[in-house]
Amino acid sequence: MKKVFLSLLAASFIAVGIQEAKAQTPYNTAIGLGVDLGDGETLVGPQIKHSFGGANAGNAQVLFGDNIITIGADYSYNQQFQGTNGLGWYVGVGPQISFVDYGPRDETFFAIRPAAGIEYKIPSAPLAFHFDWKPWWNLSHETDFEPSRFSLGFKFTLN
């Protein structure tokens, strides 16, 4: 099941990378490293962000931690701050699934992750950075809400 899901996710990345769009982000597609941190374990892994035109963008990531793999995809609404060159804000939401290995047993967690953050694209270089507040609303295994989660991203812009 995990291999099928990861294969579909990889195919989606390729399909998204082929499309071209004009965006409110100062680039169309970016790939890089995402870091999810805060109360609890820190997760790190690859991510991709792609603009679908206008203010609409999608972000997908696969994050790894100690005995955990998390796969997520987010929709975000993006706008640039007027009078700035490369600095913008965004809000979004998306589903996330985590596979946790507890030794003798494995569990799968489903979550919704709202996000609100800022992003900066260096005007003279193909680099972008983001910081957001990204709380974790777990919908499985005794539902809970963890507000103390944040994400950092370091991206190379492709176009």
Protein backbone atom coordinates (compact mmCIF):
# COMPACT_ATOMS: atom_id res chain seq x y z
CA MET A 1 0.00 0.00 0.00
CA LYS A 2 2.79 2.42 0.92
CA LYS A 3 4.65 1.71 -2.35
CA VAL A 4 1.54 2.31 -4.45
CA PHE A 5 0.84 5.60 -2.65
CA LEU A 6 4.46 6.77 -3.02
CA SER A 7 4.40 5.85 -6.73
CA LEU A 8 1.23 7.89 -7.26
CA LEU A 9 2.78 10.80 -5.37
CA ALA A 10 5.91 10.66 -7.56
CA ALA A 11 3.78 10.58 -10.73
CA SER A 12 1.89 13.65 -9.47
CA PHE A 13 5.19 15.51 -8.93
CA ILE A 14 6.21 14.79 -12.52
CA ALA A 15 2.82 15.88 -13.93
CA VAL A 16 2.87 19.09 -11.88
CA GLY A 17 6.45 19.86 -12.95
CA ILE A 18 5.52 19.69 -16.64
CA GLN A 19 2.74 22.29 -16.41
CA GLU A 20 3.46 26.00 -16.74
CA ALA A 21 1.53 28.80 -15.00
CA LYS A 22 1.69 32.46 -14.11
CA ALA A 23 1.49 32.91 -10.37
CA GLN A 24 1.35 35.22 -7.41
CA THR A 25 4.47 33.42 -6.27
CA PRO A 26 7.61 34.83 -7.92
CA TYR A 27 8.26 31.39 -9.48
CA ASN A 28 6.23 28.55 -10.98
CA THR A 29 7.88 25.50 -9.39
CA ALA A 30 10.38 24.98 -6.59
CA ILE A 31 11.91 21.90 -4.99
CA GLY A 32 13.75 21.71 -1.72
CA LEU A 33 13.94 20.63 1.87
CA GLY A 34 11.13 20.92 4.39
CA VAL A 35 11.54 20.88 8.17
CA ASP A 36 8.50 20.32 10.42
CA LEU A 37 9.24 21.21 14.03
CA GLY A 38 7.75 22.28 17.32
CA ASP A 39 6.23 20.37 20.19
CA GLY A 40 7.17 16.76 19.51
CA GLU A 41 9.49 15.20 16.97
CA THR A 42 11.29 17.16 14.22
CA LEU A 43 10.69 15.82 10.71
CA VAL A 44 12.82 16.54 7.61
CA GLY A 45 12.40 15.67 3.94
CA PRO A 46 11.94 16.73 0.32
CA GLN A 47 9.16 19.04 -0.81
CA ILE A 48 7.85 20.57 -4.02
CA LYS A 49 5.70 23.67 -4.53
CA HIS A 50 3.96 24.48 -7.79
CA SER A 51 1.75 27.40 -8.82
CA PHE A 52 -1.47 26.52 -10.62
CA GLY A 53 -2.06 30.08 -11.77
CA GLY A 54 -3.14 33.26 -10.06
CA ALA A 55 -2.83 32.95 -6.31
CA ASN A 56 -3.31 29.14 -6.23
CA ALA A 57 -0.45 26.78 -5.41
CA GLY A 58 0.09 23.24 -4.22
CA ASN A 59 2.81 21.94 -1.96
CA ALA A 60 3.69 18.29 -1.35
CA GLN A 61 6.23 16.78 0.99
CA VAL A 62 7.55 13.49 2.33
CA LEU A 63 9.02 13.95 5.80
CA PHE A 64 11.09 11.52 7.85
CA GLY A 65 11.71 11.28 11.56
CA ASP A 66 12.68 8.63 14.07
CA ASN A 67 10.42 5.66 13.13
CA ILE A 68 7.93 7.91 11.28
CA ILE A 69 7.21 8.74 7.64
CA THR A 70 4.75 11.54 6.90
CA ILE A 71 3.28 12.33 3.47
CA GLY A 72 1.29 15.51 2.92
CA ALA A 73 -0.15 17.77 0.26
CA ASP A 74 -1.43 21.31 0.77
CA TYR A 75 -3.38 23.89 -1.18
CA SER A 76 -2.30 27.48 -0.54
CA TYR A 77 -3.55 30.94 -1.46
CA ASN A 78 -0.49 33.16 -2.13
CA GLN A 79 -0.07 36.93 -2.37
CA GLN A 80 2.96 39.20 -2.57
CA PHE A 81 3.29 42.12 -0.15
CA GLN A 82 2.99 45.34 -2.14
CA GLY A 83 6.20 47.32 -2.38
CA THR A 84 8.41 44.31 -1.74
CA ASN A 85 10.44 42.32 -4.19
CA GLY A 86 9.98 38.62 -3.47
CA LEU A 87 8.27 38.71 -0.05
CA GLY A 88 4.79 37.23 0.19
CA TRP A 89 2.29 35.58 2.49
CA TYR A 90 0.09 32.51 2.17
CA VAL A 91 -2.64 30.56 3.91
CA GLY A 92 -3.58 26.99 3.16
CA VAL A 93 -4.72 23.59 4.30
CA GLY A 94 -4.17 19.98 3.36
CA PRO A 95 -4.34 16.35 4.43
CA GLN A 96 -1.46 14.39 5.87
CA ILE A 97 -0.88 10.71 6.57
CA SER A 98 1.78 9.41 8.94
CA PHE A 99 3.11 5.88 9.26
CA VAL A 100 4.60 5.25 12.71
CA ASP A 101 6.59 2.20 13.74
CA TYR A 102 6.09 1.51 17.45
CA GLY A 103 8.27 -1.62 17.43
CA PRO A 104 5.91 -4.58 17.71
CA ARG A 105 3.04 -2.63 16.09
CA ASP A 106 2.58 0.00 13.38
CA GLU A 107 -0.05 2.73 13.31
CA THR A 108 -1.31 5.11 10.64
CA PHE A 109 -2.47 8.62 11.53
CA PHE A 110 -4.61 10.92 9.39
CA ALA A 111 -4.40 14.66 9.98
CA ILE A 112 -5.50 18.02 8.59
CA ARG A 113 -2.81 20.71 8.58
CA PRO A 114 -3.84 24.36 8.21
CA ALA A 115 -0.96 26.75 7.51
CA ALA A 116 -0.30 30.49 7.61
CA GLY A 117 3.12 31.81 6.69
CA ILE A 118 5.52 34.01 4.81
CA GLU A 119 7.82 33.21 1.92
CA TYR A 120 10.79 35.07 0.49
CA LYS A 121 12.24 34.50 -2.99
CA ILE A 122 15.70 36.05 -3.38
CA PRO A 123 15.26 38.24 -6.49
CA SER A 124 18.79 37.73 -7.83
CA ALA A 125 19.07 33.98 -7.09
CA PRO A 126 16.96 30.86 -7.67
CA LEU A 127 16.37 30.42 -3.92
CA ALA A 128 13.27 30.76 -1.76
CA PHE A 129 12.60 30.29 1.96
CA HIS A 130 9.41 29.95 3.95
CA PHE A 131 8.31 29.90 7.58
CA ASP A 132 4.80 29.05 8.70
CA TRP A 133 2.62 28.10 11.60
CA LYS A 134 1.28 24.66 10.74
CA PRO A 135 -0.74 23.10 13.58
CA TRP A 136 -1.48 19.38 13.55
CA TRP A 137 -5.12 18.31 13.82
CA ASN A 138 -5.04 14.54 14.21
CA LEU A 139 -8.30 12.87 13.11
CA SER A 140 -7.47 9.30 14.13
CA HIS A 141 -6.46 7.39 17.28
CA GLU A 142 -8.00 9.65 19.91
CA THR A 143 -8.34 12.89 17.96
CA ASP A 144 -6.19 15.75 19.22
CA PHE A 145 -4.95 19.18 18.15
CA GLU A 146 -1.32 20.27 18.46
CA PRO A 147 -1.03 24.05 17.92
CA SER A 148 2.74 24.24 18.56
CA ARG A 149 3.95 23.03 15.13
CA PHE A 150 5.84 25.07 12.56
CA SER A 151 7.52 24.45 9.22
CA LEU A 152 10.62 25.83 7.51
CA GLY A 153 11.40 25.38 3.86
CA PHE A 154 14.52 25.92 1.77
CA LYS A 155 13.78 25.74 -1.96
CA PHE A 156 15.54 25.94 -5.31
CA THR A 157 13.24 27.64 -7.84
CA LEU A 158 13.11 25.97 -11.24
CA ASN A 159 11.34 28.73 -13.20
